[in-house]
PDB file of N, CA and C in Angstrom:
ATOM      1  N   MET A   1       0.816  -1.189   0.000  1.00  0.00           N
ATOM      2  CA  MET A   1       0.000   0.000   0.000  1.00  0.00           C
ATOM      3  C   MET A   1       0.869   1.266   0.000  1.00  0.00           C
ATOM      4  N   LYS A   2       1.975   1.221   0.768  1.00  0.00           N
ATOM      5  CA  LYS A   2       2.872   2.364   0.830  1.00  0.00           C
ATOM      6  C   LYS A   2       3.493   2.640  -0.546  1.00  0.00           C
ATOM      7  N   THR A   3       3.860   1.585  -1.266  1.00  0.00           N
ATOM      8  CA  THR A   3       4.419   1.741  -2.615  1.00  0.00           C
ATOM      9  C   THR A   3       3.408   2.380  -3.551  1.00  0.00           C
ATOM     10  N   LEU A   4       2.152   2.021  -3.465  1.00  0.00           N
ATOM     11  CA  LEU A   4       1.107   2.594  -4.297  1.00  0.00           C
ATOM     12  C   LEU A   4       0.940   4.074  -4.009  1.00  0.00           C
ATOM     13  N   LEU A   5       0.975   4.474  -2.735  1.00  0.00           N
ATOM     14  CA  LEU A   5       0.850   5.886  -2.371  1.00  0.00           C
ATOM     15  C   LEU A   5       2.030   6.703  -2.899  1.00  0.00           C
ATOM     16  N   VAL A   6       3.233   6.147  -2.830  1.00  0.00           N
ATOM     17  CA  VAL A   6       4.420   6.834  -3.350  1.00  0.00           C
ATOM     18  C   VAL A   6       4.306   6.995  -4.863  1.00  0.00           C
ATOM     19  N   ALA A   7       3.845   5.961  -5.555  1.00  0.00           N
ATOM     20  CA  ALA A   7       3.680   6.021  -7.008  1.00  0.00           C
ATOM     21  C   ALA A   7       2.647   7.063  -7.386  1.00  0.00           C
ATOM     22  N   VAL A   8       1.508   7.105  -6.685  1.00  0.00           N
ATOM     23  CA  VAL A   8       0.459   8.099  -6.965  1.00  0.00           C
ATOM     24  C   VAL A   8       0.967   9.501  -6.695  1.00  0.00           C
ATOM     25  N   ALA A   9       1.701   9.700  -5.613  1.00  0.00           N
ATOM     26  CA  ALA A   9       2.261  11.017  -5.286  1.00  0.00           C
ATOM     27  C   ALA A   9       3.262  11.462  -6.351  1.00  0.00           C
ATOM     28  N   THR A  10       4.088  10.537  -6.815  1.00  0.00           N
ATOM     29  CA  THR A  10       5.069  10.851  -7.853  1.00  0.00           C
ATOM     30  C   THR A  10       4.385  11.233  -9.157  1.00  0.00           C
ATOM     31  N   ILE A  11       3.374  10.487  -9.542  1.00  0.00           N
ATOM     32  CA  ILE A  11       2.623  10.798 -10.771  1.00  0.00           C
ATOM     33  C   ILE A  11       1.940  12.147 -10.637  1.00  0.00           C
ATOM     34  N   SER A  12       1.339  12.428  -9.484  1.00  0.00           N
ATOM     35  CA  SER A  12       0.677  13.716  -9.263  1.00  0.00           C
ATOM     36  C   SER A  12       1.672  14.868  -9.367  1.00  0.00           C
ATOM     37  N   MET A  13       2.859  14.679  -8.791  1.00  0.00           N
ATOM     38  CA  MET A  13       3.886  15.714  -8.858  1.00  0.00           C
ATOM     39  C   MET A  13       4.322  15.943 -10.310  1.00  0.00           C
ATOM     40  N   LEU A  14       4.525  14.874 -11.065  1.00  0.00           N
ATOM     41  CA  LEU A  14       4.928  15.010 -12.472  1.00  0.00           C
ATOM     42  C   LEU A  14       3.862  15.712 -13.287  1.00  0.00           C
ATOM     43  N   ILE A  15       2.595  15.398 -13.040  1.00  0.00           N
ATOM     44  CA  ILE A  15       1.503  16.068 -13.753  1.00  0.00           C
ATOM     45  C   ILE A  15       1.486  17.549 -13.392  1.00  0.00           C
ATOM     46  N   GLY A  16       1.700  17.866 -12.124  1.00  0.00           N
ATOM     47  CA  GLY A  16       1.744  19.267 -11.706  1.00  0.00           C
ATOM     48  C   GLY A  16       2.861  20.032 -12.378  1.00  0.00           C
ATOM     49  N   VAL A  17       4.040  19.435 -12.463  1.00  0.00           N
ATOM     50  CA  VAL A  17       5.172  20.080 -13.143  1.00  0.00           C
ATOM     51  C   VAL A  17       4.864  20.264 -14.620  1.00  0.00           C
ATOM     52  N   LEU A  18       4.283  19.260 -15.252  1.00  0.00           N
ATOM     53  CA  LEU A  18       3.932  19.348 -16.662  1.00  0.00           C
ATOM     54  C   LEU A  18       2.933  20.461 -16.906  1.00  0.00           C
ATOM     55  N   VAL A  19       1.891  20.538 -16.100  1.00  0.00           N
ATOM     56  CA  VAL A  19       0.881  21.593 -16.261  1.00  0.00           C
ATOM     57  C   VAL A  19       1.501  22.960 -16.016  1.00  0.00           C
ATOM     58  N   ALA A  20       2.334  23.099 -15.002  1.00  0.00           N
ATOM     59  CA  ALA A  20       2.986  24.380 -14.730  1.00  0.00           C
ATOM     60  C   ALA A  20       3.886  24.786 -15.880  1.00  0.00           C
ATOM     61  N   THR A  21       4.551  23.826 -16.480  1.00  0.00           N
ATOM     62  CA  THR A  21       5.432  24.118 -17.610  1.00  0.00           C
ATOM     63  C   THR A  21       4.642  24.596 -18.817  1.00  0.00           C
ATOM     64  N   ILE A  22       3.485  24.026 -19.027  1.00  0.00           N
ATOM     65  CA  ILE A  22       2.673  24.396 -20.180  1.00  0.00           C
ATOM     66  C   ILE A  22       2.039  25.763 -19.999  1.00  0.00           C
ATOM     67  N   VAL A  23       1.524  26.069 -18.817  1.00  0.00           N
ATOM     68  CA  VAL A  23       0.748  27.299 -18.647  1.00  0.00           C
ATOM     69  C   VAL A  23       1.550  28.463 -18.091  1.00  0.00           C
ATOM     70  N   ALA A  24       2.728  28.240 -17.539  1.00  0.00           N
ATOM     71  CA  ALA A  24       3.497  29.328 -16.944  1.00  0.00           C
ATOM     72  C   ALA A  24       4.106  30.207 -18.025  1.00  0.00           C
ATOM     73  N   PRO A  25       4.185  31.504 -17.751  1.00  0.00           N
ATOM     74  CA  PRO A  25       4.845  32.405 -18.706  1.00  0.00           C
ATOM     75  C   PRO A  25       6.317  32.033 -18.857  1.00  0.00           C
ATOM     76  N   ASP A  26       6.869  32.333 -20.005  1.00  0.00           N
ATOM     77  CA  ASP A  26       8.254  31.976 -20.286  1.00  0.00           C
ATOM     78  C   ASP A  26       9.228  32.586 -19.291  1.00  0.00           C
ATOM     79  N   ASP A  27       9.016  33.847 -18.911  1.00  0.00           N
ATOM     80  CA  ASP A  27       9.987  34.493 -18.042  1.00  0.00           C
ATOM     81  C   ASP A  27      10.026  33.863 -16.646  1.00  0.00           C
ATOM     82  N   VAL A  28       8.944  33.234 -16.221  1.00  0.00           N
ATOM     83  CA  VAL A  28       8.919  32.561 -14.927  1.00  0.00           C
ATOM     84  C   VAL A  28       9.817  31.334 -14.950  1.00  0.00           C
ATOM     85  N   LEU A  29       9.792  30.625 -16.052  1.00  0.00           N
ATOM     86  CA  LEU A  29      10.561  29.387 -16.148  1.00  0.00           C
ATOM     87  C   LEU A  29      11.943  29.591 -16.766  1.00  0.00           C
ATOM     88  N   GLY A  30      12.222  30.798 -17.262  1.00  0.00           N
ATOM     89  CA  GLY A  30      13.515  31.068 -17.871  1.00  0.00           C
ATOM     90  C   GLY A  30      13.726  30.346 -19.178  1.00  0.00           C
ATOM     91  N   ARG A  31      12.657  30.124 -19.933  1.00  0.00           N
ATOM     92  CA  ARG A  31      12.784  29.450 -21.223  1.00  0.00           C
ATOM     93  C   ARG A  31      12.142  30.304 -22.301  1.00  0.00           C
ATOM     94  N   LYS A  32      12.371  29.905 -23.521  1.00  0.00           N
ATOM     95  CA  LYS A  32      11.791  30.623 -24.656  1.00  0.00           C
ATOM     96  C   LYS A  32      10.978  29.656 -25.488  1.00  0.00           C
ATOM     97  N   HIS A  33       9.950  30.213 -26.166  1.00  0.00           N
ATOM     98  CA  HIS A  33       9.156  29.387 -27.070  1.00  0.00           C
ATOM     99  C   HIS A  33      10.023  28.925 -28.233  1.00  0.00           C
ATOM    100  N   SER A  34       9.678  27.783 -28.778  1.00  0.00           N
ATOM    101  CA  SER A  34      10.389  27.306 -29.957  1.00  0.00           C
ATOM    102  C   SER A  34       9.803  27.926 -31.223  1.00  0.00           C
ATOM    103  N   PHE A  35       8.675  28.616 -31.100  1.00  0.00           N
ATOM    104  CA  PHE A  35       8.045  29.251 -32.251  1.00  0.00           C
ATOM    105  C   PHE A  35       8.683  30.612 -32.501  1.00  0.00           C
ATOM    106  N   PRO A  36       8.949  30.957 -33.763  1.00  0.00           N
ATOM    107  CA  PRO A  36       9.510  32.281 -34.041  1.00  0.00           C
ATOM    108  C   PRO A  36       8.461  33.358 -33.786  1.00  0.00           C
ATOM    109  N   LYS A  37       8.913  34.511 -33.400  1.00  0.00           N
ATOM    110  CA  LYS A  37       7.993  35.623 -33.188  1.00  0.00           C
ATOM    111  C   LYS A  37       7.544  36.147 -34.546  1.00  0.00           C
ATOM    112  N   MET A  38       6.317  36.629 -34.590  1.00  0.00           N
ATOM    113  CA  MET A  38       5.785  37.192 -35.826  1.00  0.00           C
ATOM    114  C   MET A  38       6.111  38.682 -35.887  1.00  0.00           C
ATOM    115  N   ALA A  39       6.387  39.149 -37.072  1.00  0.00           N
ATOM    116  CA  ALA A  39       6.649  40.568 -37.268  1.00  0.00           C
ATOM    117  C   ALA A  39       5.342  41.341 -37.127  1.00  0.00           C
ATOM    118  N   LYS A  40       5.457  42.600 -36.738  1.00  0.00           N
ATOM    119  CA  LYS A  40       4.268  43.444 -36.586  1.00  0.00           C
ATOM    120  C   LYS A  40       3.835  44.056 -37.909  1.00  0.00           C
ATOM    121  N   ALA A  41       4.682  43.972 -38.928  1.00  0.00           N
ATOM    122  CA  ALA A  41       4.353  44.580 -40.216  1.00  0.00           C
ATOM    123  C   ALA A  41       4.838  43.684 -41.356  1.00  0.00           C
ATOM    124  N   THR A  42       4.241  43.867 -42.507  1.00  0.00           N
ATOM    125  CA  THR A  42       4.676  43.200 -43.731  1.00  0.00           C
ATOM    126  C   THR A  42       4.832  44.256 -44.814  1.00  0.00           C
ATOM    127  N   TYR A  43       5.522  43.899 -45.870  1.00  0.00           N
ATOM    128  CA  TYR A  43       5.670  44.807 -47.006  1.00  0.00           C
ATOM    129  C   TYR A  43       5.847  43.992 -48.275  1.00  0.00           C
ATOM    130  N   PHE A  44       5.540  44.622 -49.400  1.00  0.00           N
ATOM    131  CA  PHE A  44       5.779  44.035 -50.716  1.00  0.00           C
ATOM    132  C   PHE A  44       7.039  44.636 -51.301  1.00  0.00           C
ATOM    133  N   THR A  45       7.767  43.821 -52.016  1.00  0.00           N
ATOM    134  CA  THR A  45       8.906  44.282 -52.789  1.00  0.00           C
ATOM    135  C   THR A  45       8.766  43.677 -54.181  1.00  0.00           C
ATOM    136  N   ALA A  46       9.416  44.271 -55.168  1.00  0.00           N
ATOM    137  CA  ALA A  46       9.240  43.788 -56.538  1.00  0.00           C
ATOM    138  C   ALA A  46      10.548  43.827 -57.313  1.00  0.00           C
ATOM    139  N   GLY A  47      10.661  42.896 -58.248  1.00  0.00           N
ATOM    140  CA  GLY A  47      11.728  42.890 -59.228  1.00  0.00           C
ATOM    141  C   GLY A  47      11.074  42.996 -60.603  1.00  0.00           C
ATOM    142  N   ARG A  48      11.600  43.861 -61.456  1.00  0.00           N
ATOM    143  CA  ARG A  48      10.994  44.085 -62.776  1.00  0.00           C
ATOM    144  C   ARG A  48      12.055  43.959 -63.858  1.00  0.00           C
ATOM    145  N   GLY A  49      11.632  43.513 -65.029  1.00  0.00           N
ATOM    146  CA  GLY A  49      12.546  43.477 -66.153  1.00  0.00           C
ATOM    147  C   GLY A  49      12.230  42.365 -67.128  1.00  0.00           C
ATOM    148  N   THR A  50      13.089  42.273 -68.138  1.00  0.00           N
ATOM    149  CA  THR A  50      12.934  41.227 -69.152  1.00  0.00           C
ATOM    150  C   THR A  50      13.604  39.935 -68.707  1.00  0.00           C
ATOM    151  N   GLY A  51      14.361  39.972 -67.619  1.00  0.00           N
ATOM    152  CA  GLY A  51      14.944  38.775 -67.036  1.00  0.00           C
ATOM    153  C   GLY A  51      16.367  38.510 -67.462  1.00  0.00           C
ATOM    154  N   ALA A  52      17.054  37.791 -66.617  1.00  0.00           N
ATOM    155  CA  ALA A  52      18.416  37.340 -66.897  1.00  0.00           C
ATOM    156  C   ALA A  52      18.346  35.919 -67.438  1.00  0.00           C
ATOM    157  N   ASP A  53      19.260  35.580 -68.339  1.00  0.00           N
ATOM    158  CA  ASP A  53      19.320  34.221 -68.875  1.00  0.00           C
ATOM    159  C   ASP A  53      19.635  33.227 -67.750  1.00  0.00           C
ATOM    160  N   VAL A  54      18.967  32.071 -67.791  1.00  0.00           N
ATOM    161  CA  VAL A  54      19.222  31.007 -66.817  1.00  0.00           C
ATOM    162  C   VAL A  54      20.210  30.029 -67.437  1.00  0.00           C
ATOM    163  N   PRO A  55      21.357  29.797 -66.771  1.00  0.00           N
ATOM    164  CA  PRO A  55      22.352  28.874 -67.329  1.00  0.00           C
ATOM    165  C   PRO A  55      21.759  27.482 -67.543  1.00  0.00           C
ATOM    166  N   ASN A  56      22.126  26.856 -68.638  1.00  0.00           N
ATOM    167  CA  ASN A  56      21.729  25.485 -68.987  1.00  0.00           C
ATOM    168  C   ASN A  56      20.243  25.322 -69.285  1.00  0.00           C
ATOM    169  N   LEU A  57      19.488  26.416 -69.413  1.00  0.00           N
ATOM    170  CA  LEU A  57      18.076  26.355 -69.809  1.00  0.00           C
ATOM    171  C   LEU A  57      17.847  27.353 -70.935  1.00  0.00           C
ATOM    172  N   ALA A  58      18.029  26.895 -72.158  1.00  0.00           N
ATOM    173  CA  ALA A  58      17.933  27.769 -73.325  1.00  0.00           C
ATOM    174  C   ALA A  58      16.567  28.430 -73.421  1.00  0.00           C
ATOM    175  N   GLY A  59      16.579  29.750 -73.581  1.00  0.00           N
ATOM    176  CA  GLY A  59      15.343  30.502 -73.763  1.00  0.00           C
ATOM    177  C   GLY A  59      14.605  30.847 -72.480  1.00  0.00           C
ATOM    178  N   VAL A  60      15.113  30.398 -71.335  1.00  0.00           N
ATOM    179  CA  VAL A  60      14.445  30.672 -70.056  1.00  0.00           C
ATOM    180  C   VAL A  60      15.087  31.888 -69.406  1.00  0.00           C
ATOM    181  N   LYS A  61      14.248  32.787 -68.902  1.00  0.00           N
ATOM    182  CA  LYS A  61      14.686  34.006 -68.213  1.00  0.00           C
ATOM    183  C   LYS A  61      14.274  33.926 -66.750  1.00  0.00           C
ATOM    184  N   GLU A  62      14.924  34.760 -65.928  1.00  0.00           N
ATOM    185  CA  GLU A  62      14.667  34.742 -64.491  1.00  0.00           C
ATOM    186  C   GLU A  62      14.606  36.179 -63.963  1.00  0.00           C
ATOM    187  N   VAL A  63      13.583  36.458 -63.131  1.00  0.00           N
ATOM    188  CA  VAL A  63      13.473  37.734 -62.428  1.00  0.00           C
ATOM    189  C   VAL A  63      13.270  37.408 -60.952  1.00  0.00           C
ATOM    190  N   VAL A  64      13.898  38.211 -60.070  1.00  0.00           N
ATOM    191  CA  VAL A  64      13.905  37.934 -58.631  1.00  0.00           C
ATOM    192  C   VAL A  64      13.365  39.128 -57.854  1.00  0.00           C
ATOM    193  N   ALA A  65      12.593  38.850 -56.787  1.00  0.00           N
ATOM    194  CA  ALA A  65      12.191  39.867 -55.811  1.00  0.00           C
ATOM    195  C   ALA A  65      12.825  39.481 -54.479  1.00  0.00           C
ATOM    196  N   LEU A  66      13.480  40.430 -53.824  1.00  0.00           N
ATOM    197  CA  LEU A  66      14.239  40.166 -52.600  1.00  0.00           C
ATOM    198  C   LEU A  66      13.612  40.829 -51.380  1.00  0.00           C
ATOM    199  N   CYS A  67      13.644  40.124 -50.247  1.00  0.00           N
ATOM    200  CA  CYS A  67      13.305  40.718 -48.955  1.00  0.00           C
ATOM    201  C   CYS A  67      14.576  41.345 -48.382  1.00  0.00           C
ATOM    202  N   ASP A  68      14.401  42.282 -47.442  1.00  0.00           N
ATOM    203  CA  ASP A  68      15.549  42.879 -46.759  1.00  0.00           C
ATOM    204  C   ASP A  68      16.252  41.816 -45.910  1.00  0.00           C
ATOM    205  N   ALA A  69      17.526  42.019 -45.642  1.00  0.00           N
ATOM    206  CA  ALA A  69      18.289  41.113 -44.783  1.00  0.00           C
ATOM    207  C   ALA A  69      17.615  41.036 -43.412  1.00  0.00           C
ATOM    208  N   GLY A  70      17.448  39.827 -42.895  1.00  0.00           N
ATOM    209  CA  GLY A  70      16.834  39.629 -41.589  1.00  0.00           C
ATOM    210  C   GLY A  70      15.327  39.497 -41.610  1.00  0.00           C
ATOM    211  N   ASP A  71      14.697  39.789 -42.752  1.00  0.00           N
ATOM    212  CA  ASP A  71      13.247  39.644 -42.875  1.00  0.00           C
ATOM    213  C   ASP A  71      12.917  38.244 -43.387  1.00  0.00           C
ATOM    214  N   VAL A  72      11.632  37.892 -43.378  1.00  0.00           N
ATOM    215  CA  VAL A  72      11.218  36.541 -43.750  1.00  0.00           C
ATOM    216  C   VAL A  72      10.267  36.595 -44.941  1.00  0.00           C
ATOM    217  N   LEU A  73      10.588  35.818 -45.976  1.00  0.00           N
ATOM    218  CA  LEU A  73       9.725  35.705 -47.147  1.00  0.00           C
ATOM    219  C   LEU A  73       8.466  34.924 -46.777  1.00  0.00           C
ATOM    220  N   LEU A  74       7.291  35.488 -47.083  1.00  0.00           N
ATOM    221  CA  LEU A  74       6.020  34.800 -46.839  1.00  0.00           C
ATOM    222  C   LEU A  74       5.465  34.159 -48.102  1.00  0.00           C
ATOM    223  N   THR A  75       5.466  34.895 -49.199  1.00  0.00           N
ATOM    224  CA  THR A  75       4.957  34.388 -50.477  1.00  0.00           C
ATOM    225  C   THR A  75       5.399  35.333 -51.583  1.00  0.00           C
ATOM    226  N   GLY A  76       5.036  35.016 -52.801  1.00  0.00           N
ATOM    227  CA  GLY A  76       5.383  35.873 -53.929  1.00  0.00           C
ATOM    228  C   GLY A  76       4.526  35.545 -55.131  1.00  0.00           C
ATOM    229  N   GLY A  77       4.768  36.270 -56.224  1.00  0.00           N
ATOM    230  CA  GLY A  77       3.978  36.043 -57.417  1.00  0.00           C
ATOM    231  C   GLY A  77       4.610  36.676 -58.641  1.00  0.00           C
ATOM    232  N   LEU A  78       3.964  36.470 -59.772  1.00  0.00           N
ATOM    233  CA  LEU A  78       4.448  36.941 -61.071  1.00  0.00           C
ATOM    234  C   LEU A  78       3.320  37.692 -61.765  1.00  0.00           C
ATOM    235  N   LEU A  79       3.618  38.892 -62.253  1.00  0.00           N
ATOM    236  CA  LEU A  79       2.614  39.753 -62.879  1.00  0.00           C
ATOM    237  C   LEU A  79       3.068  40.207 -64.260  1.00  0.00           C
ATOM    238  N   ASN A  80       2.122  40.736 -65.021  1.00  0.00           N
ATOM    239  CA  ASN A  80       2.373  41.414 -66.303  1.00  0.00           C
ATOM    240  C   ASN A  80       2.980  40.518 -67.381  1.00  0.00           C
ATOM    241  N   LEU A  81       2.469  39.311 -67.502  1.00  0.00           N
ATOM    242  CA  LEU A  81       2.957  38.412 -68.547  1.00  0.00           C
ATOM    243  C   LEU A  81       2.243  38.688 -69.867  1.00  0.00           C
ATOM    244  N   ASP A  82       2.989  38.594 -70.968  1.00  0.00           N
ATOM    245  CA  ASP A  82       2.364  38.639 -72.289  1.00  0.00           C
ATOM    246  C   ASP A  82       1.602  37.336 -72.510  1.00  0.00           C
ATOM    247  N   ALA A  83       0.671  37.371 -73.442  1.00  0.00           N
ATOM    248  CA  ALA A  83      -0.195  36.207 -73.700  1.00  0.00           C
ATOM    249  C   ALA A  83       0.582  34.934 -74.034  1.00  0.00           C
ATOM    250  N   GLY A  84       1.675  35.024 -74.766  1.00  0.00           N
ATOM    251  CA  GLY A  84       2.401  33.825 -75.181  1.00  0.00           C
ATOM    252  C   GLY A  84       3.498  33.377 -74.230  1.00  0.00           C
ATOM    253  N   THR A  85       3.733  34.113 -73.166  1.00  0.00           N
ATOM    254  CA  THR A  85       4.807  33.760 -72.232  1.00  0.00           C
ATOM    255  C   THR A  85       4.421  32.544 -71.401  1.00  0.00           C
ATOM    256  N   GLN A  86       5.371  31.621 -71.249  1.00  0.00           N
ATOM    257  CA  GLN A  86       5.135  30.396 -70.471  1.00  0.00           C
ATOM    258  C   GLN A  86       5.889  30.471 -69.150  1.00  0.00           C
ATOM    259  N   ILE A  87       5.210  30.150 -68.059  1.00  0.00           N
ATOM    260  CA  ILE A  87       5.856  30.109 -66.749  1.00  0.00           C
ATOM    261  C   ILE A  87       6.582  28.777 -66.618  1.00  0.00           C
ATOM    262  N   GLU A  88       7.861  28.829 -66.316  1.00  0.00           N
ATOM    263  CA  GLU A  88       8.657  27.620 -66.083  1.00  0.00           C
ATOM    264  C   GLU A  88       8.595  27.214 -64.620  1.00  0.00           C
ATOM    265  N   SER A  89       8.805  28.186 -63.705  1.00  0.00           N
ATOM    266  CA  SER A  89       8.740  27.876 -62.271  1.00  0.00           C
ATOM    267  C   SER A  89       8.564  29.149 -61.458  1.00  0.00           C
ATOM    268  N   LEU A  90       7.896  29.002 -60.324  1.00  0.00           N
ATOM    269  CA  LEU A  90       7.784  30.041 -59.305  1.00  0.00           C
ATOM    270  C   LEU A  90       8.377  29.430 -58.047  1.00  0.00           C
ATOM    271  N   ASP A  91       9.478  29.989 -57.577  1.00  0.00           N
ATOM    272  CA  ASP A  91      10.277  29.347 -56.544  1.00  0.00           C
ATOM    273  C   ASP A  91      10.481  30.259 -55.331  1.00  0.00           C
ATOM    274  N   PRO A  92       9.698  30.036 -54.248  1.00  0.00           N
ATOM    275  CA  PRO A  92       9.969  30.789 -53.019  1.00  0.00           C
ATOM    276  C   PRO A  92      11.193  30.206 -52.329  1.00  0.00           C
ATOM    277  N   GLN A  93      12.250  30.978 -52.243  1.00  0.00           N
ATOM    278  CA  GLN A  93      13.488  30.520 -51.610  1.00  0.00           C
ATOM    279  C   GLN A  93      13.586  31.160 -50.229  1.00  0.00           C
ATOM    280  N   VAL A  94      12.925  30.521 -49.267  1.00  0.00           N
ATOM    281  CA  VAL A  94      12.812  31.080 -47.923  1.00  0.00           C
ATOM    282  C   VAL A  94      14.183  31.252 -47.282  1.00  0.00           C
ATOM    283  N   GLY A  95      15.082  30.305 -47.469  1.00  0.00           N
ATOM    284  CA  GLY A  95      16.418  30.411 -46.888  1.00  0.00           C
ATOM    285  C   GLY A  95      17.193  31.605 -47.408  1.00  0.00           C
ATOM    286  N   ASN A  96      16.947  31.984 -48.656  1.00  0.00           N
ATOM    287  CA  ASN A  96      17.627  33.132 -49.265  1.00  0.00           C
ATOM    288  C   ASN A  96      16.781  34.402 -49.231  1.00  0.00           C
ATOM    289  N   GLN A  97      15.569  34.304 -48.699  1.00  0.00           N
ATOM    290  CA  GLN A  97      14.650  35.441 -48.588  1.00  0.00           C
ATOM    291  C   GLN A  97      14.392  36.102 -49.942  1.00  0.00           C
ATOM    292  N   ARG A  98      14.107  35.258 -50.936  1.00  0.00           N
ATOM    293  CA  ARG A  98      13.808  35.794 -52.266  1.00  0.00           C
ATOM    294  C   ARG A  98      12.795  34.906 -52.977  1.00  0.00           C
ATOM    295  N   PHE A  99      12.063  35.514 -53.912  1.00  0.00           N
ATOM    296  CA  PHE A  99      11.099  34.794 -54.727  1.00  0.00           C
ATOM    297  C   PHE A  99      11.583  34.878 -56.165  1.00  0.00           C
ATOM    298  N   VAL A 100      11.790  33.713 -56.784  1.00  0.00           N
ATOM    299  CA  VAL A 100      12.368  33.634 -58.125  1.00  0.00           C
ATOM    300  C   VAL A 100      11.320  33.128 -59.112  1.00  0.00           C
ATOM    301  N   ALA A 101      11.137  33.865 -60.200  1.00  0.00           N
ATOM    302  CA  ALA A 101      10.235  33.437 -61.271  1.00  0.00           C
ATOM    303  C   ALA A 101      11.060  33.167 -62.518  1.00  0.00           C
ATOM    304  N   ARG A 102      10.841  31.992 -63.117  1.00  0.00           N
ATOM    305  CA  ARG A 102      11.492  31.628 -64.380  1.00  0.00           C
ATOM    306  C   ARG A 102      10.413  31.467 -65.430  1.00  0.00           C
ATOM    307  N   PHE A 103      10.688  31.972 -66.631  1.00  0.00           N
ATOM    308  CA  PHE A 103       9.674  31.981 -67.679  1.00  0.00           C
ATOM    309  C   PHE A 103      10.330  31.970 -69.055  1.00  0.00           C
ATOM    310  N   ARG A 104       9.550  31.548 -70.051  1.00  0.00           N
ATOM    311  CA  ARG A 104       9.960  31.603 -71.463  1.00  0.00           C
ATOM    312  C   ARG A 104       9.172  32.733 -72.113  1.00  0.00           C
ATOM    313  N   PRO A 105       9.836  33.858 -72.383  1.00  0.00           N
ATOM    314  CA  PRO A 105       9.114  35.007 -72.929  1.00  0.00           C
ATOM    315  C   PRO A 105       8.717  34.807 -74.390  1.00  0.00           C
ATOM    316  N   SER A 106       7.645  35.471 -74.759  1.00  0.00           N
ATOM    317  CA  SER A 106       7.201  35.463 -76.157  1.00  0.00           C
ATOM    318  C   SER A 106       7.601  36.787 -76.799  1.00  0.00           C
ATOM    319  N   GLY A 107       8.884  37.074 -76.770  1.00  0.00           N
ATOM    320  CA  GLY A 107       9.383  38.357 -77.259  1.00  0.00           C
ATOM    321  C   GLY A 107      10.070  39.089 -76.117  1.00  0.00           C
ATOM    322  N   ALA A 108       9.997  40.412 -76.168  1.00  0.00           N
ATOM    323  CA  ALA A 108      10.619  41.233 -75.119  1.00  0.00           C
ATOM    324  C   ALA A 108       9.613  41.472 -73.997  1.00  0.00           C
ATOM    325  N   ASP A 109       9.276  40.426 -73.304  1.00  0.00           N
ATOM    326  CA  ASP A 109       8.275  40.482 -72.243  1.00  0.00           C
ATOM    327  C   ASP A 109       8.902  41.037 -70.961  1.00  0.00           C
ATOM    328  N   GLU A 110       8.409  42.166 -70.476  1.00  0.00           N
ATOM    329  CA  GLU A 110       8.871  42.713 -69.200  1.00  0.00           C
ATOM    330  C   GLU A 110       7.884  42.296 -68.121  1.00  0.00           C
ATOM    331  N   VAL A 111       8.365  41.573 -67.134  1.00  0.00           N
ATOM    332  CA  VAL A 111       7.499  41.027 -66.093  1.00  0.00           C
ATOM    333  C   VAL A 111       7.820  41.678 -64.746  1.00  0.00           C
ATOM    334  N   THR A 112       6.907  41.476 -63.797  1.00  0.00           N
ATOM    335  CA  THR A 112       7.099  41.937 -62.421  1.00  0.00           C
ATOM    336  C   THR A 112       6.969  40.739 -61.502  1.00  0.00           C
ATOM    337  N   VAL A 113       7.955  40.551 -60.639  1.00  0.00           N
ATOM    338  CA  VAL A 113       7.925  39.506 -59.617  1.00  0.00           C
ATOM    339  C   VAL A 113       7.766  40.209 -58.275  1.00  0.00           C
ATOM    340  N   THR A 114       6.814  39.737 -57.477  1.00  0.00           N
ATOM    341  CA  THR A 114       6.578  40.353 -56.175  1.00  0.00           C
ATOM    342  C   THR A 114       6.919  39.379 -55.051  1.00  0.00           C
ATOM    343  N   ALA A 115       7.258  39.941 -53.899  1.00  0.00           N
ATOM    344  CA  ALA A 115       7.504  39.147 -52.690  1.00  0.00           C
ATOM    345  C   ALA A 115       6.818  39.853 -51.528  1.00  0.00           C
ATOM    346  N   LEU A 116       6.115  39.089 -50.711  1.00  0.00           N
ATOM    347  CA  LEU A 116       5.529  39.591 -49.477  1.00  0.00           C
ATOM    348  C   LEU A 116       6.444  39.153 -48.351  1.00  0.00           C
ATOM    349  N   CYS A 117       6.925  40.112 -47.553  1.00  0.00           N
ATOM    350  CA  CYS A 117       7.925  39.835 -46.534  1.00  0.00           C
ATOM    351  C   CYS A 117       7.446  40.285 -45.157  1.00  0.00           C
ATOM    352  N   SER A 118       7.808  39.525 -44.108  1.00  0.00           N
ATOM    353  CA  SER A 118       7.613  39.947 -42.721  1.00  0.00           C
ATOM    354  C   SER A 118       8.748  40.895 -42.372  1.00  0.00           C
ATOM    355  N   ASP A 119       8.406  42.040 -41.794  1.00  0.00           N
ATOM    356  CA  ASP A 119       9.372  43.088 -41.519  1.00  0.00           C
ATOM    357  C   ASP A 119       9.876  43.002 -40.085  1.00  0.00           C
ATOM    358  N   PHE A 120      11.109  42.517 -39.910  1.00  0.00           N
ATOM    359  CA  PHE A 120      11.766  42.480 -38.612  1.00  0.00           C
ATOM    360  C   PHE A 120      12.787  43.619 -38.561  1.00  0.00           C
ATOM    361  N   PRO A 121      13.175  44.057 -37.361  1.00  0.00           N
ATOM    362  CA  PRO A 121      14.128  45.168 -37.280  1.00  0.00           C
ATOM    363  C   PRO A 121      15.417  44.846 -38.021  1.00  0.00           C
ATOM    364  N   PRO A 122      16.032  45.850 -38.622  1.00  0.00           N
ATOM    365  CA  PRO A 122      15.571  47.232 -38.743  1.00  0.00           C
ATOM    366  C   PRO A 122      14.390  47.332 -39.703  1.00  0.00           C
ATOM    367  N   ALA A 123      13.567  48.344 -39.500  1.00  0.00           N
ATOM    368  CA  ALA A 123      12.337  48.511 -40.273  1.00  0.00           C
ATOM    369  C   ALA A 123      12.629  48.726 -41.753  1.00  0.00           C
ATOM    370  N   HIS A 124      11.756  48.176 -42.581  1.00  0.00           N
ATOM    371  CA  HIS A 124      11.846  48.379 -44.037  1.00  0.00           C
ATOM    372  C   HIS A 124      11.543  49.847 -44.339  1.00  0.00           C
ATOM    373  N   PRO A 125      12.352  50.450 -45.186  1.00  0.00           N
ATOM    374  CA  PRO A 125      12.110  51.884 -45.501  1.00  0.00           C
ATOM    375  C   PRO A 125      10.830  52.119 -46.259  1.00  0.00           C
TER     376      PRO A 125
END
């Protein structure tokens, strides 16, 4: 019977510690969340032009939209395509904080690539 009481007390203590760990504020426990903090603002940035040639892909052009250093790429897109232009790829490169669009233009097609970025300090101008 004594062993059962010790086991129940130990389980109760572990549950209490677990609940306190889950609900206590971080500063009380001296730990930090594993989730990244969200920025208070976002902004759009754009890259425009007829594109740079992509090595080893004949006829394919590339235009890039960049986030500021330290900011986080959320999404991006491609605008202002001519009717005959073919999209090869839309590539969000989160590690490089840039959105890359590759396309086969139907002539001198000037396109716009956009990126939506989370704004972390220093603030985006």
